[in-house]
């Protein structure tokens, strides 16, 4: 049973990173008809913004659960969760830049040919 919980939490962590990227891709393809630059900017920034507001739901839920059981006596787990949110936001920005650059260059090539 413990292995199922570990797999579920790993899947939850991966989906926390993948879902904002998929939102950025969908917004890019939706907005590319209006403006390439607007689509690039929105597709680049939205994944980080979505992650910043989505990740605390998962990261701080474990901290609250541990506090309810009396396992946490200090604020270090909450500080760790906050640092994970900020680090994850930076990772989302770093990952989203090459994805959006690839889509932008691919769209530019399709316009030329």
PDB file of N, CA and C in Angstrom:
ATOM      1  N   UNK A   1       0.819  -1.194   0.000  1.00  0.00           N
ATOM      2  CA  UNK A   1       0.000   0.000   0.000  1.00  0.00           C
ATOM      3  C   UNK A   1       0.864   1.261   0.000  1.00  0.00           C
ATOM      4  N   UNK A   2       1.995   1.211   0.708  1.00  0.00           N
ATOM      5  CA  UNK A   2       2.876   2.371   0.758  1.00  0.00           C
ATOM      6  C   UNK A   2       3.452   2.695  -0.613  1.00  0.00           C
ATOM      7  N   UNK A   3       3.716   1.673  -1.403  1.00  0.00           N
ATOM      8  CA  UNK A   3       4.262   1.925  -2.737  1.00  0.00           C
ATOM      9  C   UNK A   3       3.229   2.604  -3.627  1.00  0.00           C
ATOM     10  N   UNK A   4       1.961   2.274  -3.451  1.00  0.00           N
ATOM     11  CA  UNK A   4       0.917   2.947  -4.217  1.00  0.00           C
ATOM     12  C   UNK A   4       0.821   4.426  -3.848  1.00  0.00           C
ATOM     13  N   UNK A   5       0.988   4.721  -2.589  1.00  0.00           N
ATOM     14  CA  UNK A   5       0.962   6.114  -2.146  1.00  0.00           C
ATOM     15  C   UNK A   5       2.153   6.874  -2.723  1.00  0.00           C
ATOM     16  N   UNK A   6       3.315   6.239  -2.743  1.00  0.00           N
ATOM     17  CA  UNK A   6       4.503   6.879  -3.306  1.00  0.00           C
ATOM     18  C   UNK A   6       4.324   7.133  -4.797  1.00  0.00           C
ATOM     19  N   UNK A   7       3.786   6.142  -5.513  1.00  0.00           N
ATOM     20  CA  UNK A   7       3.542   6.307  -6.954  1.00  0.00           C
ATOM     21  C   UNK A   7       2.516   7.409  -7.199  1.00  0.00           C
ATOM     22  N   UNK A   8       1.473   7.458  -6.386  1.00  0.00           N
ATOM     23  CA  UNK A   8       0.448   8.488  -6.545  1.00  0.00           C
ATOM     24  C   UNK A   8       1.030   9.886  -6.309  1.00  0.00           C
ATOM     25  N   UNK A   9       1.856  10.029  -5.297  1.00  0.00           N
ATOM     26  CA  UNK A   9       2.464  11.336  -5.016  1.00  0.00           C
ATOM     27  C   UNK A   9       3.450  11.744  -6.102  1.00  0.00           C
ATOM     28  N   UNK A  10       4.169  10.772  -6.654  1.00  0.00           N
ATOM     29  CA  UNK A  10       5.071  11.064  -7.767  1.00  0.00           C
ATOM     30  C   UNK A  10       4.288  11.494  -8.999  1.00  0.00           C
ATOM     31  N   UNK A  11       3.191  10.816  -9.282  1.00  0.00           N
ATOM     32  CA  UNK A  11       2.329  11.203 -10.400  1.00  0.00           C
ATOM     33  C   UNK A  11       1.745  12.591 -10.189  1.00  0.00           C
ATOM     34  N   UNK A  12       1.381  12.896  -8.967  1.00  0.00           N
ATOM     35  CA  UNK A  12       0.862  14.220  -8.641  1.00  0.00           C
ATOM     36  C   UNK A  12       1.917  15.296  -8.844  1.00  0.00           C
ATOM     37  N   UNK A  13       3.164  15.007  -8.452  1.00  0.00           N
ATOM     38  CA  UNK A  13       4.256  15.953  -8.639  1.00  0.00           C
ATOM     39  C   UNK A  13       4.542  16.179 -10.124  1.00  0.00           C
ATOM     40  N   UNK A  14       4.574  15.103 -10.902  1.00  0.00           N
ATOM     41  CA  UNK A  14       4.819  15.235 -12.345  1.00  0.00           C
ATOM     42  C   UNK A  14       3.687  16.003 -13.011  1.00  0.00           C
ATOM     43  N   UNK A  15       2.458  15.728 -12.620  1.00  0.00           N
ATOM     44  CA  UNK A  15       1.334  16.444 -13.237  1.00  0.00           C
ATOM     45  C   UNK A  15       1.316  17.913 -12.840  1.00  0.00           C
ATOM     46  N   UNK A  16       1.860  18.233 -11.663  1.00  0.00           N
ATOM     47  CA  UNK A  16       1.951  19.631 -11.244  1.00  0.00           C
ATOM     48  C   UNK A  16       2.880  20.408 -12.167  1.00  0.00           C
ATOM     49  N   UNK A  17       3.902  19.740 -12.699  1.00  0.00           N
ATOM     50  CA  UNK A  17       4.813  20.387 -13.643  1.00  0.00           C
ATOM     51  C   UNK A  17       4.301  20.316 -15.080  1.00  0.00           C
ATOM     52  N   UNK A  18       3.619  19.238 -15.456  1.00  0.00           N
ATOM     53  CA  UNK A  18       3.197  19.047 -16.848  1.00  0.00           C
ATOM     54  C   UNK A  18       1.941  19.844 -17.197  1.00  0.00           C
ATOM     55  N   UNK A  19       1.000  19.947 -16.279  1.00  0.00           N
ATOM     56  CA  UNK A  19      -0.257  20.635 -16.562  1.00  0.00           C
ATOM     57  C   UNK A  19      -0.066  22.096 -16.975  1.00  0.00           C
ATOM     58  N   UNK A  20       0.742  22.888 -16.277  1.00  0.00           N
ATOM     59  CA  UNK A  20       0.938  24.274 -16.723  1.00  0.00           C
ATOM     60  C   UNK A  20       1.590  24.373 -18.105  1.00  0.00           C
ATOM     61  N   UNK A  21       2.489  23.446 -18.426  1.00  0.00           N
ATOM     62  CA  UNK A  21       3.101  23.472 -19.757  1.00  0.00           C
ATOM     63  C   UNK A  21       2.063  23.189 -20.835  1.00  0.00           C
ATOM     64  N   UNK A  22       1.159  22.267 -20.572  1.00  0.00           N
ATOM     65  CA  UNK A  22       0.098  21.977 -21.539  1.00  0.00           C
ATOM     66  C   UNK A  22      -0.844  23.166 -21.704  1.00  0.00           C
ATOM     67  N   UNK A  23      -1.125  23.859 -20.616  1.00  0.00           N
ATOM     68  CA  UNK A  23      -1.944  25.082 -20.700  1.00  0.00           C
ATOM     69  C   UNK A  23      -1.237  26.124 -21.567  1.00  0.00           C
ATOM     70  N   UNK A  24       0.082  26.271 -21.382  1.00  0.00           N
ATOM     71  CA  UNK A  24       0.850  27.217 -22.198  1.00  0.00           C
ATOM     72  C   UNK A  24       0.823  26.843 -23.674  1.00  0.00           C
ATOM     73  N   UNK A  25       0.934  25.547 -23.985  1.00  0.00           N
ATOM     74  CA  UNK A  25       0.863  25.111 -25.384  1.00  0.00           C
ATOM     75  C   UNK A  25      -0.508  25.401 -25.988  1.00  0.00           C
ATOM     76  N   UNK A  26      -1.556  25.098 -25.243  1.00  0.00           N
ATOM     77  CA  UNK A  26      -2.901  25.346 -25.770  1.00  0.00           C
ATOM     78  C   UNK A  26      -3.152  26.830 -25.986  1.00  0.00           C
ATOM     79  N   UNK A  27      -2.677  27.660 -25.072  1.00  0.00           N
ATOM     80  CA  UNK A  27      -2.842  29.104 -25.259  1.00  0.00           C
ATOM     81  C   UNK A  27      -2.043  29.602 -26.454  1.00  0.00           C
ATOM     82  N   UNK A  28      -0.848  29.038 -26.662  1.00  0.00           N
ATOM     83  CA  UNK A  28      -0.048  29.441 -27.816  1.00  0.00           C
ATOM     84  C   UNK A  28      -0.811  29.153 -29.105  1.00  0.00           C
ATOM     85  N   UNK A  29      -1.329  27.939 -29.247  1.00  0.00           N
ATOM     86  CA  UNK A  29      -2.034  27.589 -30.484  1.00  0.00           C
ATOM     87  C   UNK A  29      -3.344  28.349 -30.637  1.00  0.00           C
ATOM     88  N   UNK A  30      -3.943  28.741 -29.537  1.00  0.00           N
ATOM     89  CA  UNK A  30      -5.179  29.523 -29.608  1.00  0.00           C
ATOM     90  C   UNK A  30      -4.905  30.972 -30.025  1.00  0.00           C
ATOM     91  N   UNK A  31      -3.789  31.536 -29.547  1.00  0.00           N
ATOM     92  CA  UNK A  31      -3.498  32.951 -29.794  1.00  0.00           C
ATOM     93  C   UNK A  31      -2.622  33.203 -31.012  1.00  0.00           C
ATOM     94  N   UNK A  32      -2.048  32.156 -31.612  1.00  0.00           N
ATOM     95  CA  UNK A  32      -1.109  32.374 -32.709  1.00  0.00           C
ATOM     96  C   UNK A  32      -1.816  32.975 -33.930  1.00  0.00           C
ATOM     97  N   UNK A  33      -3.103  32.786 -34.052  1.00  0.00           N
ATOM     98  CA  UNK A  33      -3.848  33.384 -35.168  1.00  0.00           C
ATOM     99  C   UNK A  33      -3.941  34.897 -35.038  1.00  0.00           C
ATOM    100  N   UNK A  34      -3.921  35.396 -33.821  1.00  0.00           N
ATOM    101  CA  UNK A  34      -4.021  36.841 -33.605  1.00  0.00           C
ATOM    102  C   UNK A  34      -2.668  37.525 -33.730  1.00  0.00           C
ATOM    103  N   UNK A  35      -1.703  37.068 -32.925  1.00  0.00           N
ATOM    104  CA  UNK A  35      -0.384  37.689 -32.931  1.00  0.00           C
ATOM    105  C   UNK A  35       0.646  36.646 -32.480  1.00  0.00           C
ATOM    106  N   UNK A  36       1.733  36.520 -33.266  1.00  0.00           N
ATOM    107  CA  UNK A  36       2.771  35.557 -32.905  1.00  0.00           C
ATOM    108  C   UNK A  36       3.454  35.950 -31.606  1.00  0.00           C
ATOM    109  N   UNK A  37       3.727  37.229 -31.458  1.00  0.00           N
ATOM    110  CA  UNK A  37       4.449  37.695 -30.280  1.00  0.00           C
ATOM    111  C   UNK A  37       3.599  37.601 -29.020  1.00  0.00           C
ATOM    112  N   UNK A  38       2.326  37.898 -29.136  1.00  0.00           N
ATOM    113  CA  UNK A  38       1.420  37.755 -27.992  1.00  0.00           C
ATOM    114  C   UNK A  38       1.313  36.289 -27.593  1.00  0.00           C
ATOM    115  N   UNK A  39       1.205  35.410 -28.570  1.00  0.00           N
ATOM    116  CA  UNK A  39       1.122  33.975 -28.292  1.00  0.00           C
ATOM    117  C   UNK A  39       2.391  33.487 -27.616  1.00  0.00           C
ATOM    118  N   UNK A  40       3.545  33.974 -28.083  1.00  0.00           N
ATOM    119  CA  UNK A  40       4.824  33.590 -27.473  1.00  0.00           C
ATOM    120  C   UNK A  40       4.900  34.067 -26.029  1.00  0.00           C
ATOM    121  N   UNK A  41       4.557  35.318 -25.786  1.00  0.00           N
ATOM    122  CA  UNK A  41       4.656  35.880 -24.435  1.00  0.00           C
ATOM    123  C   UNK A  41       3.691  35.196 -23.468  1.00  0.00           C
ATOM    124  N   UNK A  42       2.467  35.001 -23.905  1.00  0.00           N
ATOM    125  CA  UNK A  42       1.482  34.356 -23.031  1.00  0.00           C
ATOM    126  C   UNK A  42       1.856  32.900 -22.797  1.00  0.00           C
ATOM    127  N   UNK A  43       2.279  32.202 -23.854  1.00  0.00           N
ATOM    128  CA  UNK A  43       2.678  30.809 -23.712  1.00  0.00           C
ATOM    129  C   UNK A  43       3.911  30.642 -22.842  1.00  0.00           C
ATOM    130  N   UNK A  44       4.735  31.665 -22.771  1.00  0.00           N
ATOM    131  CA  UNK A  44       5.941  31.617 -21.940  1.00  0.00           C
ATOM    132  C   UNK A  44       5.634  31.919 -20.473  1.00  0.00           C
ATOM    133  N   UNK A  45       4.778  32.886 -20.206  1.00  0.00           N
ATOM    134  CA  UNK A  45       4.542  33.338 -18.838  1.00  0.00           C
ATOM    135  C   UNK A  45       3.445  32.575 -18.100  1.00  0.00           C
ATOM    136  N   UNK A  46       2.426  32.141 -18.812  1.00  0.00           N
ATOM    137  CA  UNK A  46       1.286  31.502 -18.148  1.00  0.00           C
ATOM    138  C   UNK A  46       1.661  30.214 -17.413  1.00  0.00           C
ATOM    139  N   UNK A  47       2.537  29.337 -17.958  1.00  0.00           N
ATOM    140  CA  UNK A  47       2.880  28.136 -17.177  1.00  0.00           C
ATOM    141  C   UNK A  47       3.490  28.451 -15.808  1.00  0.00           C
ATOM    142  N   UNK A  48       4.331  29.454 -15.729  1.00  0.00           N
ATOM    143  CA  UNK A  48       4.913  29.809 -14.434  1.00  0.00           C
ATOM    144  C   UNK A  48       3.857  30.376 -13.494  1.00  0.00           C
ATOM    145  N   UNK A  49       2.955  31.174 -14.019  1.00  0.00           N
ATOM    146  CA  UNK A  49       1.898  31.765 -13.187  1.00  0.00           C
ATOM    147  C   UNK A  49       0.951  30.678 -12.686  1.00  0.00           C
ATOM    148  N   UNK A  50       0.564  29.767 -13.577  1.00  0.00           N
ATOM    149  CA  UNK A  50      -0.331  28.673 -13.175  1.00  0.00           C
ATOM    150  C   UNK A  50       0.352  27.794 -12.129  1.00  0.00           C
ATOM    151  N   UNK A  51       1.640  27.486 -12.336  1.00  0.00           N
ATOM    152  CA  UNK A  51       2.356  26.669 -11.360  1.00  0.00           C
ATOM    153  C   UNK A  51       2.439  27.375 -10.019  1.00  0.00           C
ATOM    154  N   UNK A  52       2.698  28.667 -10.027  1.00  0.00           N
ATOM    155  CA  UNK A  52       2.834  29.423  -8.778  1.00  0.00           C
ATOM    156  C   UNK A  52       1.557  29.364  -7.942  1.00  0.00           C
ATOM    157  N   UNK A  53       0.391  29.334  -8.598  1.00  0.00           N
ATOM    158  CA  UNK A  53      -0.863  29.285  -7.852  1.00  0.00           C
ATOM    159  C   UNK A  53      -1.374  27.861  -7.636  1.00  0.00           C
ATOM    160  N   UNK A  54      -0.923  26.909  -8.456  1.00  0.00           N
ATOM    161  CA  UNK A  54      -1.386  25.534  -8.324  1.00  0.00           C
ATOM    162  C   UNK A  54      -0.544  24.722  -7.337  1.00  0.00           C
ATOM    163  N   UNK A  55       0.753  24.912  -7.333  1.00  0.00           N
ATOM    164  CA  UNK A  55       1.659  24.099  -6.527  1.00  0.00           C
ATOM    165  C   UNK A  55       1.424  24.211  -5.014  1.00  0.00           C
ATOM    166  N   UNK A  56       1.128  25.382  -4.462  1.00  0.00           N
ATOM    167  CA  UNK A  56       0.893  25.418  -3.012  1.00  0.00           C
ATOM    168  C   UNK A  56      -0.251  24.522  -2.560  1.00  0.00           C
ATOM    169  N   UNK A  57      -1.218  24.275  -3.436  1.00  0.00           N
ATOM    170  CA  UNK A  57      -2.304  23.374  -3.054  1.00  0.00           C
ATOM    171  C   UNK A  57      -1.766  21.998  -2.706  1.00  0.00           C
ATOM    172  N   UNK A  58      -0.762  21.538  -3.447  1.00  0.00           N
ATOM    173  CA  UNK A  58      -0.214  20.212  -3.214  1.00  0.00           C
ATOM    174  C   UNK A  58       0.895  20.227  -2.167  1.00  0.00           C
ATOM    175  N   UNK A  59       1.801  21.194  -2.250  1.00  0.00           N
ATOM    176  CA  UNK A  59       2.956  21.203  -1.362  1.00  0.00           C
ATOM    177  C   UNK A  59       2.571  21.522   0.080  1.00  0.00           C
ATOM    178  N   UNK A  60       1.666  22.463   0.276  1.00  0.00           N
ATOM    179  CA  UNK A  60       1.302  22.837   1.632  1.00  0.00           C
ATOM    180  C   UNK A  60       0.253  21.901   2.233  1.00  0.00           C
ATOM    181  N   UNK A  61      -0.413  21.091   1.398  1.00  0.00           N
ATOM    182  CA  UNK A  61      -1.385  20.132   1.925  1.00  0.00           C
ATOM    183  C   UNK A  61      -0.695  19.097   2.795  1.00  0.00           C
ATOM    184  N   UNK A  62       0.488  18.643   2.379  1.00  0.00           N
ATOM    185  CA  UNK A  62       1.234  17.692   3.189  1.00  0.00           C
ATOM    186  C   UNK A  62       1.699  18.293   4.499  1.00  0.00           C
ATOM    187  N   UNK A  63       2.069  19.552   4.452  1.00  0.00           N
ATOM    188  CA  UNK A  63       2.506  20.232   5.681  1.00  0.00           C
ATOM    189  C   UNK A  63       1.332  20.367   6.649  1.00  0.00           C
ATOM    190  N   UNK A  64       0.168  20.745   6.130  1.00  0.00           N
ATOM    191  CA  UNK A  64      -1.007  20.878   6.995  1.00  0.00           C
ATOM    192  C   UNK A  64      -1.430  19.531   7.581  1.00  0.00           C
ATOM    193  N   UNK A  65      -1.318  18.477   6.784  1.00  0.00           N
ATOM    194  CA  UNK A  65      -1.664  17.140   7.270  1.00  0.00           C
ATOM    195  C   UNK A  65      -0.714  16.699   8.384  1.00  0.00           C
ATOM    196  N   UNK A  66       0.558  16.973   8.221  1.00  0.00           N
ATOM    197  CA  UNK A  66       1.533  16.620   9.254  1.00  0.00           C
ATOM    198  C   UNK A  66       1.315  17.449  10.523  1.00  0.00           C
ATOM    199  N   UNK A  67       0.944  18.715  10.369  1.00  0.00           N
ATOM    200  CA  UNK A  67       0.680  19.546  11.546  1.00  0.00           C
ATOM    201  C   UNK A  67      -0.550  19.053  12.294  1.00  0.00           C
ATOM    202  N   UNK A  68      -1.551  18.592  11.554  1.00  0.00           N
ATOM    203  CA  UNK A  68      -2.759  18.091  12.210  1.00  0.00           C
ATOM    204  C   UNK A  68      -2.472  16.838  13.021  1.00  0.00           C
ATOM    205  N   UNK A  69      -1.505  16.033  12.573  1.00  0.00           N
ATOM    206  CA  UNK A  69      -1.127  14.820  13.311  1.00  0.00           C
ATOM    207  C   UNK A  69      -0.117  15.095  14.416  1.00  0.00           C
ATOM    208  N   UNK A  70       0.372  16.322  14.513  1.00  0.00           N
ATOM    209  CA  UNK A  70       1.329  16.684  15.544  1.00  0.00           C
ATOM    210  C   UNK A  70       2.759  16.277  15.220  1.00  0.00           C
ATOM    211  N   UNK A  71       3.059  16.039  13.952  1.00  0.00           N
ATOM    212  CA  UNK A  71       4.399  15.613  13.555  1.00  0.00           C
ATOM    213  C   UNK A  71       5.330  16.796  13.314  1.00  0.00           C
ATOM    214  N   UNK A  72       4.788  17.990  13.118  1.00  0.00           N
ATOM    215  CA  UNK A  72       5.598  19.160  12.811  1.00  0.00           C
ATOM    216  C   UNK A  72       5.531  20.124  13.990  1.00  0.00           C
ATOM    217  N   UNK A  73       6.688  20.501  14.489  1.00  0.00           N
ATOM    218  CA  UNK A  73       6.740  21.422  15.621  1.00  0.00           C
ATOM    219  C   UNK A  73       7.349  22.769  15.258  1.00  0.00           C
ATOM    220  N   UNK A  74       7.936  22.874  14.056  1.00  0.00           N
ATOM    221  CA  UNK A  74       8.563  24.134  13.661  1.00  0.00           C
ATOM    222  C   UNK A  74       8.079  24.511  12.255  1.00  0.00           C
ATOM    223  N   UNK A  75       8.569  25.608  11.760  1.00  0.00           N
ATOM    224  CA  UNK A  75       8.125  26.095  10.459  1.00  0.00           C
ATOM    225  C   UNK A  75       8.988  25.684   9.286  1.00  0.00           C
ATOM    226  N   UNK A  76       9.970  24.816   9.516  1.00  0.00           N
ATOM    227  CA  UNK A  76      10.874  24.432   8.434  1.00  0.00           C
ATOM    228  C   UNK A  76      10.188  23.685   7.294  1.00  0.00           C
ATOM    229  N   UNK A  77       9.237  22.787   7.532  1.00  0.00           N
ATOM    230  CA  UNK A  77       8.559  22.154   6.403  1.00  0.00           C
ATOM    231  C   UNK A  77       7.788  23.157   5.546  1.00  0.00           C
ATOM    232  N   UNK A  78       7.192  24.151   6.173  1.00  0.00           N
ATOM    233  CA  UNK A  78       6.492  25.181   5.401  1.00  0.00           C
ATOM    234  C   UNK A  78       7.480  26.013   4.593  1.00  0.00           C
ATOM    235  N   UNK A  79       8.645  26.288   5.168  1.00  0.00           N
ATOM    236  CA  UNK A  79       9.680  27.029   4.441  1.00  0.00           C
ATOM    237  C   UNK A  79      10.182  26.194   3.262  1.00  0.00           C
ATOM    238  N   UNK A  80      10.348  24.907   3.474  1.00  0.00           N
ATOM    239  CA  UNK A  80      10.761  24.026   2.384  1.00  0.00           C
ATOM    240  C   UNK A  80       9.737  23.988   1.269  1.00  0.00           C
ATOM    241  N   UNK A  81       8.456  23.942   1.628  1.00  0.00           N
ATOM    242  CA  UNK A  81       7.398  23.947   0.615  1.00  0.00           C
ATOM    243  C   UNK A  81       7.388  25.263  -0.153  1.00  0.00           C
ATOM    244  N   UNK A  82       7.613  26.370   0.552  1.00  0.00           N
ATOM    245  CA  UNK A  82       7.661  27.670  -0.129  1.00  0.00           C
ATOM    246  C   UNK A  82       8.841  27.735  -1.083  1.00  0.00           C
ATOM    247  N   UNK A  83       9.994  27.217  -0.664  1.00  0.00           N
ATOM    248  CA  UNK A  83      11.154  27.199  -1.561  1.00  0.00           C
ATOM    249  C   UNK A  83      10.911  26.301  -2.768  1.00  0.00           C
ATOM    250  N   UNK A  84      10.189  25.180  -2.579  1.00  0.00           N
ATOM    251  CA  UNK A  84       9.832  24.322  -3.709  1.00  0.00           C
ATOM    252  C   UNK A  84       8.916  25.047  -4.693  1.00  0.00           C
ATOM    253  N   UNK A  85       8.016  25.853  -4.180  1.00  0.00           N
ATOM    254  CA  UNK A  85       7.134  26.620  -5.069  1.00  0.00           C
ATOM    255  C   UNK A  85       7.950  27.615  -5.888  1.00  0.00           C
ATOM    256  N   UNK A  86       8.874  28.326  -5.250  1.00  0.00           N
ATOM    257  CA  UNK A  86       9.685  29.303  -5.982  1.00  0.00           C
ATOM    258  C   UNK A  86      10.643  28.630  -6.952  1.00  0.00           C
ATOM    259  N   UNK A  87      11.256  27.524  -6.544  1.00  0.00           N
ATOM    260  CA  UNK A  87      12.157  26.793  -7.434  1.00  0.00           C
ATOM    261  C   UNK A  87      11.386  26.191  -8.603  1.00  0.00           C
ATOM    262  N   UNK A  88      10.203  25.662  -8.337  1.00  0.00           N
ATOM    263  CA  UNK A  88       9.378  25.107  -9.408  1.00  0.00           C
ATOM    264  C   UNK A  88       8.925  26.166 -10.395  1.00  0.00           C
ATOM    265  N   UNK A  89       8.633  27.357  -9.910  1.00  0.00           N
ATOM    266  CA  UNK A  89       8.264  28.456 -10.805  1.00  0.00           C
ATOM    267  C   UNK A  89       9.430  28.813 -11.714  1.00  0.00           C
ATOM    268  N   UNK A  90      10.627  28.850 -11.160  1.00  0.00           N
ATOM    269  CA  UNK A  90      11.814  29.125 -11.978  1.00  0.00           C
ATOM    270  C   UNK A  90      12.043  28.004 -12.992  1.00  0.00           C
ATOM    271  N   UNK A  91      11.842  26.765 -12.587  1.00  0.00           N
ATOM    272  CA  UNK A  91      11.994  25.637 -13.507  1.00  0.00           C
ATOM    273  C   UNK A  91      10.966  25.727 -14.624  1.00  0.00           C
ATOM    274  N   UNK A  92       9.743  26.102 -14.293  1.00  0.00           N
ATOM    275  CA  UNK A  92       8.711  26.259 -15.330  1.00  0.00           C
ATOM    276  C   UNK A  92       9.116  27.320 -16.346  1.00  0.00           C
ATOM    277  N   UNK A  93       9.701  28.419 -15.883  1.00  0.00           N
ATOM    278  CA  UNK A  93      10.158  29.455 -16.816  1.00  0.00           C
ATOM    279  C   UNK A  93      11.285  28.938 -17.700  1.00  0.00           C
ATOM    280  N   UNK A  94      12.221  28.200 -17.097  1.00  0.00           N
ATOM    281  CA  UNK A  94      13.363  27.681 -17.859  1.00  0.00           C
ATOM    282  C   UNK A  94      12.906  26.643 -18.878  1.00  0.00           C
ATOM    283  N   UNK A  95      11.959  25.804 -18.523  1.00  0.00           N
ATOM    284  CA  UNK A  95      11.471  24.770 -19.445  1.00  0.00           C
ATOM    285  C   UNK A  95      10.573  25.375 -20.516  1.00  0.00           C
ATOM    286  N   UNK A  96       9.787  26.368 -20.150  1.00  0.00           N
ATOM    287  CA  UNK A  96       8.841  26.934 -21.094  1.00  0.00           C
ATOM    288  C   UNK A  96       9.511  27.768 -22.182  1.00  0.00           C
ATOM    289  N   UNK A  97      10.673  28.342 -21.906  1.00  0.00           N
ATOM    290  CA  UNK A  97      11.361  29.155 -22.916  1.00  0.00           C
ATOM    291  C   UNK A  97      11.760  28.341 -24.150  1.00  0.00           C
ATOM    292  N   UNK A  98      12.459  27.194 -24.019  1.00  0.00           N
ATOM    293  CA  UNK A  98      12.793  26.453 -25.240  1.00  0.00           C
ATOM    294  C   UNK A  98      11.568  25.895 -25.971  1.00  0.00           C
ATOM    295  N   UNK A  99      10.546  25.531 -25.218  1.00  0.00           N
ATOM    296  CA  UNK A  99       9.337  25.025 -25.862  1.00  0.00           C
ATOM    297  C   UNK A  99       8.705  26.116 -26.716  1.00  0.00           C
ATOM    298  N   UNK A 100       8.573  27.301 -26.161  1.00  0.00           N
ATOM    299  CA  UNK A 100       7.953  28.397 -26.900  1.00  0.00           C
ATOM    300  C   UNK A 100       8.848  28.874 -28.043  1.00  0.00           C
ATOM    301  N   UNK A 101      10.159  28.860 -27.852  1.00  0.00           N
ATOM    302  CA  UNK A 101      11.068  29.230 -28.947  1.00  0.00           C
ATOM    303  C   UNK A 101      10.950  28.246 -30.099  1.00  0.00           C
ATOM    304  N   UNK A 102      10.835  26.956 -29.793  1.00  0.00           N
ATOM    305  CA  UNK A 102      10.663  25.949 -30.838  1.00  0.00           C
ATOM    306  C   UNK A 102       9.358  26.174 -31.595  1.00  0.00           C
ATOM    307  N   UNK A 103       8.278  26.413 -30.864  1.00  0.00           N
ATOM    308  CA  UNK A 103       6.993  26.641 -31.533  1.00  0.00           C
ATOM    309  C   UNK A 103       7.024  27.912 -32.366  1.00  0.00           C
ATOM    310  N   UNK A 104       7.660  28.954 -31.834  1.00  0.00           N
ATOM    311  CA  UNK A 104       7.742  30.215 -32.555  1.00  0.00           C
ATOM    312  C   UNK A 104       8.550  30.056 -33.842  1.00  0.00           C
ATOM    313  N   UNK A 105       9.680  29.353 -33.777  1.00  0.00           N
ATOM    314  CA  UNK A 105      10.504  29.158 -34.976  1.00  0.00           C
ATOM    315  C   UNK A 105       9.813  28.231 -35.967  1.00  0.00           C
ATOM    316  N   UNK A 106       9.108  27.238 -35.489  1.00  0.00           N
ATOM    317  CA  UNK A 106       8.370  26.335 -36.378  1.00  0.00           C
ATOM    318  C   UNK A 106       7.258  27.077 -37.104  1.00  0.00           C
ATOM    319  N   UNK A 107       6.590  27.965 -36.385  1.00  0.00           N
ATOM    320  CA  UNK A 107       5.522  28.745 -37.009  1.00  0.00           C
ATOM    321  C   UNK A 107       6.105  29.710 -38.039  1.00  0.00           C
ATOM    322  N   UNK A 108       7.253  30.292 -37.740  1.00  0.00           N
ATOM    323  CA  UNK A 108       7.895  31.218 -38.667  1.00  0.00           C
ATOM    324  C   UNK A 108       8.313  30.481 -39.941  1.00  0.00           C
ATOM    325  N   UNK A 109       8.836  29.249 -39.819  1.00  0.00           N
ATOM    326  CA  UNK A 109       9.243  28.468 -40.990  1.00  0.00           C
ATOM    327  C   UNK A 109       8.045  28.103 -41.846  1.00  0.00           C
ATOM    328  N   UNK A 110       6.911  27.819 -41.199  1.00  0.00           N
ATOM    329  CA  UNK A 110       5.731  27.456 -41.978  1.00  0.00           C
ATOM    330  C   UNK A 110       5.190  28.657 -42.742  1.00  0.00           C
ATOM    331  N   UNK A 111       5.429  29.873 -42.255  1.00  0.00           N
ATOM    332  CA  UNK A 111       4.992  31.054 -42.974  1.00  0.00           C
ATOM    333  C   UNK A 111       5.885  31.332 -44.183  1.00  0.00           C
ATOM    334  N   UNK A 112       7.174  31.012 -44.066  1.00  0.00           N
ATOM    335  CA  UNK A 112       8.119  31.278 -45.151  1.00  0.00           C
ATOM    336  C   UNK A 112       7.896  30.313 -46.307  1.00  0.00           C
ATOM    337  N   UNK A 113       7.686  29.047 -46.009  1.00  0.00           N
ATOM    338  CA  UNK A 113       7.536  28.055 -47.093  1.00  0.00           C
ATOM    339  C   UNK A 113       6.113  27.908 -47.568  1.00  0.00           C
TER     340      UNK A 113
END
